[in-house]
Amino acid sequence: MLALRLLNVVAPAYFLCISLVTFVLQLFLFLPSMREDPAAAPLFSPALLHGALFLFLSANALGNYVLVIQNSPDDLDACQGPSSKRALCPPPSTHFCRVCARVTLRHDHHCFFTGNCIGSRNMRNFVLFCLYTSLACLYSMVAGVAYISAVLSISFAHPLAFLTLLPTSISQFFSGAVLGSEMFVILMLYLWFAIGLACAGFCCHQLLLILPGQTPHQARKGVAVRARPWRKNLQEVFGKRWLLGLLVPMFNVGSESSKQQDK
């Protein structure tokens, strides 16, 4: 349990460090390398468009990250009392989290990178956090590949060029052909690639659970859920203003029917 609580502190710090490093690389390496085209129009220069897109992706990722932390799932204190009170709890969508030491409604899982449980109140923000984090990482990887390609004169036209980049760069780094800053960017490329794929896969996994209206614990135990149209299940998580939530980080508790269906 001590290791889990320590991970609950280390993982958010790790995510914030990666976010800070990504922002610094974008600001001081990738953006300046795009300002070398004098023929580009000022309003549509590659640096300006790239900066605006990266800022949009980062703002949504960090905004939803903060909302996930601020809005914990509904805490059902009565479920932690005597057995007579536990009978009043709405099974089976409640679950006890050992890290947080509480029972939450529609508990999905405990996210160590946010240090909070994911459930009824912050599921939408968590899905959008995974979506925009994956997009920001993959977009940073593309910008980093363009930077490395220009600096080291490497062609990525071959499909295996990215896979062989790391071992080749390590040997060239120890021989002095690759600078430390360039080697650091190459390592970040693989880190962005791994985080981007992991977040994209997690986002798809969450959507596959949301569509039938299940939680991971219900799916694992084979518990039958109330048959409802998938559109209503999506609406209960993302709300009626789902399109606005895709553009601007915003908190949505969800409809009252979503809270009553488990009672």
Protein backbone atom coordinates (compact mmCIF):
# COMPACT_ATOMS: atom_id res chain seq x y z
CA MET A 1 0.00 0.00 0.00
CA LEU A 2 2.90 2.35 0.74
CA ALA A 3 4.23 1.73 -2.77
CA LEU A 4 0.85 2.61 -4.27
CA ARG A 5 0.62 5.83 -2.28
CA LEU A 6 4.16 6.73 -3.34
CA LEU A 7 3.24 6.06 -6.96
CA ASN A 8 0.24 8.32 -6.46
CA VAL A 9 2.71 11.19 -5.88
CA VAL A 10 5.47 10.25 -8.31
CA ALA A 11 3.26 9.64 -11.35
CA PRO A 12 1.68 13.17 -11.42
CA ALA A 13 5.14 14.70 -10.97
CA TYR A 14 6.42 12.58 -13.87
CA PHE A 15 3.54 13.73 -16.11
CA LEU A 16 4.09 17.39 -15.26
CA CYS A 17 7.84 17.06 -15.95
CA ILE A 18 7.17 15.50 -19.36
CA SER A 19 4.69 18.30 -20.12
CA LEU A 20 7.23 20.96 -19.14
CA VAL A 21 10.01 19.37 -21.21
CA THR A 22 7.69 19.09 -24.21
CA PHE A 23 6.72 22.75 -23.94
CA VAL A 24 10.37 23.85 -23.69
CA LEU A 25 11.38 21.80 -26.73
CA GLN A 26 8.49 23.15 -28.76
CA LEU A 27 9.25 26.74 -27.78
CA PHE A 28 13.04 26.79 -28.09
CA LEU A 29 13.79 24.14 -30.74
CA PHE A 30 10.88 23.21 -32.98
CA LEU A 31 9.24 26.62 -33.39
CA PRO A 32 12.51 28.49 -34.18
CA SER A 33 13.37 25.88 -36.82
CA MET A 34 10.12 26.69 -38.63
CA ARG A 35 10.80 30.42 -38.87
CA GLU A 36 13.44 30.02 -41.54
CA ASP A 37 10.98 30.25 -44.46
CA PRO A 38 10.93 33.94 -45.52
CA ALA A 39 8.43 33.31 -48.32
CA ALA A 40 5.65 32.26 -45.94
CA ALA A 41 2.92 34.80 -45.17
CA PRO A 42 3.12 36.21 -41.61
CA LEU A 43 -0.38 35.07 -40.69
CA PHE A 44 0.07 31.59 -42.13
CA SER A 45 3.70 30.89 -41.34
CA PRO A 46 4.49 27.31 -40.30
CA ALA A 47 5.71 28.48 -36.90
CA LEU A 48 2.48 30.35 -36.13
CA LEU A 49 0.20 27.54 -37.28
CA HIS A 50 2.25 24.95 -35.45
CA GLY A 51 2.31 27.02 -32.26
CA ALA A 52 -1.45 27.60 -32.36
CA LEU A 53 -2.23 23.91 -32.89
CA PHE A 54 0.16 22.76 -30.19
CA LEU A 55 -1.23 25.35 -27.77
CA PHE A 56 -4.78 24.14 -28.48
CA LEU A 57 -3.88 20.50 -27.86
CA SER A 58 -1.84 21.29 -24.74
CA ALA A 59 -4.49 23.59 -23.25
CA ASN A 60 -7.18 20.92 -23.62
CA ALA A 61 -4.94 18.16 -22.25
CA LEU A 62 -3.85 20.16 -19.19
CA GLY A 63 -7.30 21.71 -18.70
CA ASN A 64 -9.02 18.33 -18.57
CA TYR A 65 -6.17 17.02 -16.41
CA VAL A 66 -6.90 19.68 -13.80
CA LEU A 67 -10.66 18.98 -13.98
CA VAL A 68 -10.07 15.26 -13.39
CA ILE A 69 -8.13 16.12 -10.23
CA GLN A 70 -10.63 18.70 -8.98
CA ASN A 71 -13.79 16.66 -9.55
CA SER A 72 -13.66 13.38 -7.70
CA PRO A 73 -16.38 10.75 -8.16
CA ASP A 74 -19.32 10.80 -5.76
CA ASP A 75 -18.10 9.52 -2.41
CA LEU A 76 -20.53 7.08 -0.79
CA ASP A 77 -19.56 7.24 2.86
CA ALA A 78 -22.51 5.10 3.91
CA CYS A 79 -21.01 2.12 2.07
CA GLN A 80 -18.08 2.11 4.46
CA GLY A 81 -20.26 1.73 7.53
CA PRO A 82 -22.00 -1.32 9.04
CA SER A 83 -23.41 -4.08 6.86
CA SER A 84 -26.92 -2.71 7.38
CA LYS A 85 -25.90 0.55 5.69
CA ARG A 86 -23.96 -1.18 2.95
CA ALA A 87 -27.18 -2.81 1.80
CA LEU A 88 -28.38 0.66 0.76
CA CYS A 89 -25.46 1.12 -1.63
CA PRO A 90 -26.24 0.92 -5.34
CA PRO A 91 -24.54 -2.25 -6.57
CA PRO A 92 -22.77 -3.20 -8.72
CA SER A 93 -21.41 0.07 -10.09
CA THR A 94 -19.82 1.09 -6.79
CA HIS A 95 -16.33 -0.02 -5.91
CA PHE A 96 -13.94 0.46 -3.02
CA CYS A 97 -10.59 2.08 -3.88
CA ARG A 98 -7.77 0.97 -1.61
CA VAL A 99 -5.58 3.95 -2.48
CA CYS A 100 -8.24 6.59 -1.75
CA ALA A 101 -9.89 4.43 0.98
CA ARG A 102 -13.42 5.28 -0.18
CA VAL A 103 -16.33 3.86 -2.14
CA THR A 104 -17.22 5.79 -5.29
CA LEU A 105 -20.17 5.71 -7.67
CA ARG A 106 -19.56 4.18 -11.11
CA HIS A 107 -15.94 3.61 -10.17
CA ASP A 108 -13.86 2.94 -13.28
CA HIS A 109 -10.31 2.78 -11.92
CA HIS A 110 -7.77 4.73 -9.92
CA CYS A 111 -5.53 6.84 -12.16
CA PHE A 112 -2.08 7.31 -10.63
CA PHE A 113 -1.12 10.00 -13.14
CA THR A 114 -3.90 12.22 -11.77
CA GLY A 115 -3.82 10.85 -8.23
CA ASN A 116 -7.59 10.47 -8.27
CA CYS A 117 -10.34 7.94 -8.90
CA ILE A 118 -12.15 7.99 -12.22
CA GLY A 119 -15.91 7.64 -12.01
CA SER A 120 -19.25 9.36 -12.33
CA ARG A 121 -18.14 12.99 -12.11
CA ASN A 122 -14.90 13.08 -14.07
CA MET A 123 -15.13 10.32 -16.67
CA ARG A 124 -15.68 12.74 -19.56
CA ASN A 125 -12.71 14.87 -18.56
CA PHE A 126 -10.55 11.77 -18.23
CA VAL A 127 -11.44 10.50 -21.71
CA LEU A 128 -10.75 13.94 -23.21
CA PHE A 129 -7.50 14.13 -21.23
CA CYS A 130 -6.37 10.85 -22.78
CA LEU A 131 -7.48 11.99 -26.24
CA TYR A 132 -5.67 15.33 -26.21
CA THR A 133 -2.60 13.92 -24.48
CA SER A 134 -2.23 11.32 -27.22
CA LEU A 135 -2.72 13.97 -29.92
CA ALA A 136 -0.23 16.35 -28.29
CA CYS A 137 2.38 13.59 -27.92
CA LEU A 138 1.98 12.28 -31.45
CA TYR A 139 2.03 15.81 -32.85
CA SER A 140 5.17 16.60 -30.87
CA MET A 141 6.71 13.41 -32.24
CA VAL A 142 5.97 14.53 -35.82
CA ALA A 143 7.49 17.96 -35.14
CA GLY A 144 10.51 16.32 -33.51
CA VAL A 145 11.01 13.98 -36.46
CA ALA A 146 10.95 17.00 -38.81
CA TYR A 147 13.52 18.75 -36.60
CA ILE A 148 15.86 15.74 -36.42
CA SER A 149 15.47 15.16 -40.15
CA ALA A 150 16.60 18.73 -40.87
CA VAL A 151 19.42 18.85 -38.30
CA LEU A 152 20.96 15.42 -38.96
CA SER A 153 19.94 15.19 -42.64
CA ILE A 154 18.13 11.91 -42.04
CA SER A 155 15.41 10.67 -44.38
CA PHE A 156 12.38 8.97 -42.84
CA ALA A 157 10.94 7.86 -46.17
CA HIS A 158 11.70 4.22 -45.36
CA PRO A 159 9.15 2.66 -42.96
CA LEU A 160 11.92 1.21 -40.74
CA ALA A 161 13.87 4.47 -40.48
CA PHE A 162 12.19 5.46 -37.21
CA LEU A 163 12.77 2.02 -35.66
CA THR A 164 16.48 2.09 -36.48
CA LEU A 165 16.93 5.73 -35.43
CA LEU A 166 17.60 5.02 -31.75
CA PRO A 167 20.32 2.32 -32.03
CA THR A 168 22.03 4.24 -34.83
CA SER A 169 21.93 7.50 -32.86
CA ILE A 170 23.35 5.86 -29.73
CA SER A 171 26.41 4.62 -31.59
CA GLN A 172 26.86 8.03 -33.25
CA PHE A 173 26.42 9.79 -29.90
CA PHE A 174 29.34 7.92 -28.31
CA SER A 175 31.45 8.59 -31.39
CA GLY A 176 30.69 12.32 -31.16
CA ALA A 177 28.66 12.60 -34.38
CA VAL A 178 25.43 13.38 -32.50
CA LEU A 179 25.21 16.14 -29.88
CA GLY A 180 23.69 15.66 -26.46
CA SER A 181 20.73 17.94 -27.23
CA GLU A 182 19.99 16.01 -30.42
CA MET A 183 20.21 12.70 -28.58
CA PHE A 184 17.81 14.02 -25.95
CA VAL A 185 15.26 14.95 -28.64
CA ILE A 186 15.59 11.48 -30.17
CA LEU A 187 14.87 9.86 -26.79
CA MET A 188 11.85 12.14 -26.38
CA LEU A 189 10.56 11.00 -29.78
CA TYR A 190 10.22 7.44 -28.52
CA LEU A 191 8.76 8.60 -25.22
CA TRP A 192 6.11 10.68 -27.03
CA PHE A 193 5.37 7.74 -29.29
CA ALA A 194 4.88 5.38 -26.34
CA ILE A 195 2.75 7.80 -24.30
CA GLY A 196 0.69 8.77 -27.36
CA LEU A 197 -0.12 5.17 -28.25
CA ALA A 198 -0.87 4.26 -24.62
CA CYS A 199 -3.26 7.19 -24.15
CA ALA A 200 -4.96 6.52 -27.51
CA GLY A 201 -5.46 2.87 -26.60
CA PHE A 202 -6.79 3.78 -23.17
CA CYS A 203 -9.19 6.30 -24.71
CA CYS A 204 -10.55 3.66 -27.12
CA HIS A 205 -10.88 1.17 -24.26
CA GLN A 206 -12.89 3.65 -22.21
CA LEU A 207 -15.20 4.41 -25.14
CA LEU A 208 -15.83 0.69 -25.67
CA LEU A 209 -16.98 0.49 -22.03
CA ILE A 210 -19.04 3.68 -22.19
CA LEU A 211 -21.04 2.61 -25.26
CA PRO A 212 -22.75 -0.35 -23.50
CA GLY A 213 -22.87 1.58 -20.20
CA GLN A 214 -20.48 -0.70 -18.31
CA THR A 215 -17.72 -0.19 -15.78
CA PRO A 216 -14.55 -2.33 -15.86
CA HIS A 217 -15.68 -4.18 -12.73
CA GLN A 218 -19.03 -5.03 -14.32
CA ALA A 219 -17.34 -6.22 -17.50
CA ARG A 220 -14.80 -8.28 -15.54
CA LYS A 221 -17.48 -10.00 -13.44
CA GLY A 222 -19.88 -10.44 -16.37
CA VAL A 223 -22.62 -8.40 -14.67
CA ALA A 224 -25.54 -7.66 -16.97
CA VAL A 225 -26.33 -3.96 -17.35
CA ARG A 226 -29.54 -2.23 -18.25
CA ALA A 227 -30.03 -2.33 -22.04
CA ARG A 228 -30.09 1.23 -23.36
CA PRO A 229 -29.24 2.90 -26.66
CA TRP A 230 -25.55 3.69 -26.99
CA ARG A 231 -26.37 7.34 -27.72
CA LYS A 232 -27.90 7.74 -24.25
CA ASN A 233 -24.88 6.12 -22.64
CA LEU A 234 -22.61 8.56 -24.45
CA GLN A 235 -24.84 11.50 -23.51
CA GLU A 236 -24.72 10.58 -19.82
CA VAL A 237 -20.92 10.76 -19.89
CA PHE A 238 -20.27 13.59 -22.34
CA GLY A 239 -23.49 15.59 -21.84
CA LYS A 240 -25.58 17.45 -24.39
CA ARG A 241 -22.86 20.04 -24.94
CA TRP A 242 -20.30 17.42 -25.95
CA LEU A 243 -19.09 19.44 -28.94
CA LEU A 244 -18.24 22.42 -26.74
CA GLY A 245 -16.42 20.08 -24.39
CA LEU A 246 -14.22 18.95 -27.28
CA LEU A 247 -13.10 22.52 -27.90
CA VAL A 248 -12.90 23.96 -24.38
CA PRO A 249 -12.12 22.11 -21.12
CA MET A 250 -15.30 22.24 -19.07
CA PHE A 251 -16.79 20.29 -16.20
CA ASN A 252 -19.96 18.28 -16.65
CA VAL A 253 -21.49 16.40 -13.72
CA GLY A 254 -23.92 14.55 -15.95
CA SER A 255 -27.68 14.18 -15.97
CA GLU A 256 -29.64 13.21 -12.90
CA SER A 257 -30.88 10.10 -14.67
CA SER A 258 -27.33 8.78 -14.76
CA LYS A 259 -27.19 8.99 -10.97
CA GLN A 260 -30.60 7.45 -10.46
CA GLN A 261 -30.21 4.46 -12.72
CA ASP A 262 -27.86 2.80 -10.26
CA LYS A 263 -30.09 3.31 -7.24
